[in-house]
N, C-alpha and C. Protein backbone atom coordinates (compact mmCIF):
# COMPACT_ATOMS: atom_id res chain seq x y z
N MET A 1 71.54 141.59 -14.34
CA MET A 1 71.30 140.33 -14.06
C MET A 1 69.92 140.58 -12.94
N LYS A 2 70.74 141.69 -11.75
CA LYS A 2 70.33 141.76 -10.87
C LYS A 2 68.39 142.98 -10.84
N ARG A 3 68.91 143.61 -12.34
CA ARG A 3 67.80 144.91 -13.20
C ARG A 3 66.28 143.16 -13.77
N ALA A 4 67.24 142.52 -14.53
CA ALA A 4 66.38 141.93 -15.21
C ALA A 4 65.56 140.70 -13.73
N ASN A 5 65.80 139.88 -12.91
CA ASN A 5 65.31 139.68 -11.74
C ASN A 5 64.31 140.74 -11.32
N ASP A 6 64.58 141.40 -11.65
CA ASP A 6 63.61 142.68 -10.35
C ASP A 6 62.49 142.34 -11.24
N ASN A 7 62.50 143.06 -11.98
CA ASN A 7 61.44 142.58 -13.12
C ASN A 7 61.16 141.49 -13.95
N LYS A 8 61.27 140.36 -13.03
CA LYS A 8 61.28 139.30 -13.53
C LYS A 8 61.50 138.10 -15.31
N VAL A 9 62.29 139.12 -15.57
CA VAL A 9 62.33 138.79 -16.21
C VAL A 9 62.89 137.57 -17.71
N GLU A 10 63.35 136.63 -17.54
CA GLU A 10 64.16 134.68 -17.55
C GLU A 10 65.09 135.72 -19.09
N TRP A 11 66.02 135.56 -18.84
CA TRP A 11 67.19 135.32 -19.51
C TRP A 11 67.97 134.01 -19.98
N HIS A 12 68.41 133.29 -19.95
CA HIS A 12 68.95 132.46 -21.06
C HIS A 12 70.70 132.61 -21.56
N ASN A 13 71.85 132.07 -20.81
CA ASN A 13 73.37 131.80 -21.68
C ASN A 13 72.86 131.60 -23.12
N ILE A 14 73.96 132.41 -24.41
CA ILE A 14 73.30 131.44 -24.99
C ILE A 14 74.75 130.74 -25.68
N ASP A 15 75.02 128.86 -26.13
CA ASP A 15 75.84 128.56 -25.51
C ASP A 15 77.85 128.39 -26.94
N PRO A 16 78.39 128.81 -25.90
CA PRO A 16 80.01 129.63 -26.13
C PRO A 16 80.43 129.10 -28.11
N GLY A 17 80.61 130.58 -28.38
CA GLY A 17 80.41 129.66 -30.82
C GLY A 17 79.66 129.82 -30.97
N LYS A 18 78.55 130.15 -30.50
CA LYS A 18 77.35 129.98 -30.66
C LYS A 18 76.75 131.45 -31.55
N PRO A 19 76.65 132.47 -32.14
CA PRO A 19 76.11 133.56 -32.17
C PRO A 19 75.27 133.48 -33.03
N GLN A 20 75.03 132.60 -33.59
CA GLN A 20 73.15 132.87 -34.76
C GLN A 20 72.60 131.96 -34.00
N GLN A 21 72.45 132.14 -32.35
CA GLN A 21 71.64 131.60 -31.30
C GLN A 21 71.48 133.25 -30.35
N ASN A 22 72.49 134.98 -31.47
CA ASN A 22 70.99 135.91 -30.22
C ASN A 22 71.25 136.84 -31.49
N GLY A 23 71.03 136.75 -32.83
CA GLY A 23 71.30 137.63 -34.13
C GLY A 23 70.90 139.05 -33.79
N TYR A 24 69.70 139.43 -32.84
CA TYR A 24 69.17 139.92 -32.87
C TYR A 24 71.03 141.71 -32.72
N ILE A 25 71.34 140.83 -31.40
CA ILE A 25 72.25 141.63 -31.27
C ILE A 25 73.51 140.68 -32.02
N VAL A 26 73.74 140.14 -32.40
CA VAL A 26 75.40 140.54 -33.47
C VAL A 26 74.64 141.45 -34.67
N SER A 27 74.20 141.61 -35.22
CA SER A 27 74.00 142.08 -36.31
C SER A 27 74.05 143.90 -35.44
N PHE A 28 72.91 144.13 -34.50
CA PHE A 28 73.26 145.27 -33.84
C PHE A 28 74.66 145.92 -33.50
N ASN A 29 75.56 144.74 -33.01
CA ASN A 29 76.95 145.41 -32.73
C ASN A 29 77.36 145.32 -33.50
N ASP A 30 77.61 145.38 -35.37
CA ASP A 30 78.07 144.72 -36.12
C ASP A 30 77.29 145.83 -36.48
N ASN A 31 76.59 146.28 -37.06
CA ASN A 31 75.73 147.59 -37.32
C ASN A 31 76.77 148.47 -36.56
N PHE A 32 76.75 148.97 -35.92
CA PHE A 32 76.99 150.33 -33.98
C PHE A 32 78.73 150.35 -34.98
N ARG A 33 78.95 149.48 -35.06
CA ARG A 33 80.63 149.40 -34.81
C ARG A 33 80.81 150.20 -36.34
N ASP A 34 80.59 149.77 -36.79
CA ASP A 34 80.53 150.51 -39.20
C ASP A 34 79.76 151.29 -38.63
N GLU A 35 78.80 152.32 -37.77
CA GLU A 35 78.52 152.81 -38.16
C GLU A 35 78.85 154.40 -37.69
N CYS A 36 79.23 153.29 -36.06
CA CYS A 36 79.84 154.38 -35.89
C CYS A 36 81.44 154.56 -34.66
N LEU A 37 81.17 153.27 -34.66
CA LEU A 37 83.40 152.93 -34.07
C LEU A 37 84.16 153.65 -35.46
N THR A 38 84.03 153.03 -36.77
CA THR A 38 85.02 153.68 -37.25
C THR A 38 84.30 154.00 -37.81
N GLU A 39 83.72 155.23 -37.81
CA GLU A 39 83.74 156.26 -38.77
C GLU A 39 84.16 157.39 -37.89
N GLU A 40 84.95 157.31 -37.54
CA GLU A 40 85.59 158.68 -36.08
C GLU A 40 87.20 157.55 -35.74
N ALA A 41 87.73 158.81 -35.80
CA ALA A 41 89.67 158.52 -35.35
C ALA A 41 89.76 159.15 -33.99
N PHE A 42 89.94 157.72 -33.17
CA PHE A 42 90.10 157.82 -31.69
C PHE A 42 91.82 158.20 -31.61
N ASP A 43 91.98 158.39 -30.48
CA ASP A 43 93.32 158.50 -29.94
C ASP A 43 93.57 158.07 -28.62
N SER A 44 92.03 157.44 -28.07
CA SER A 44 92.01 157.16 -26.60
C SER A 44 91.74 155.90 -26.63
N ILE A 45 90.78 155.45 -26.08
CA ILE A 45 89.92 155.00 -25.37
C ILE A 45 89.68 155.71 -24.62
N SER A 46 89.48 156.57 -23.44
CA SER A 46 88.78 157.52 -23.49
C SER A 46 87.99 158.75 -23.76
N GLU A 47 88.60 158.68 -25.15
CA GLU A 47 87.59 159.22 -26.56
C GLU A 47 86.59 158.39 -26.55
N ALA A 48 86.62 157.64 -26.29
CA ALA A 48 85.44 156.88 -27.65
C ALA A 48 84.57 156.78 -26.78
N SER A 49 84.52 156.72 -25.53
CA SER A 49 83.11 156.84 -24.18
C SER A 49 83.27 157.33 -23.68
């Protein structure tokens, strides 16, 4: 939030339970999960980061 304010970027919260209001990010997260996270078998959360 500070970075957005420092750069005069407007931001808005989406309504709870309305992912279609932010379709680009929802799509990116789904693709990232499918292409990166589900391809690997991690033994711990520290391995994944």
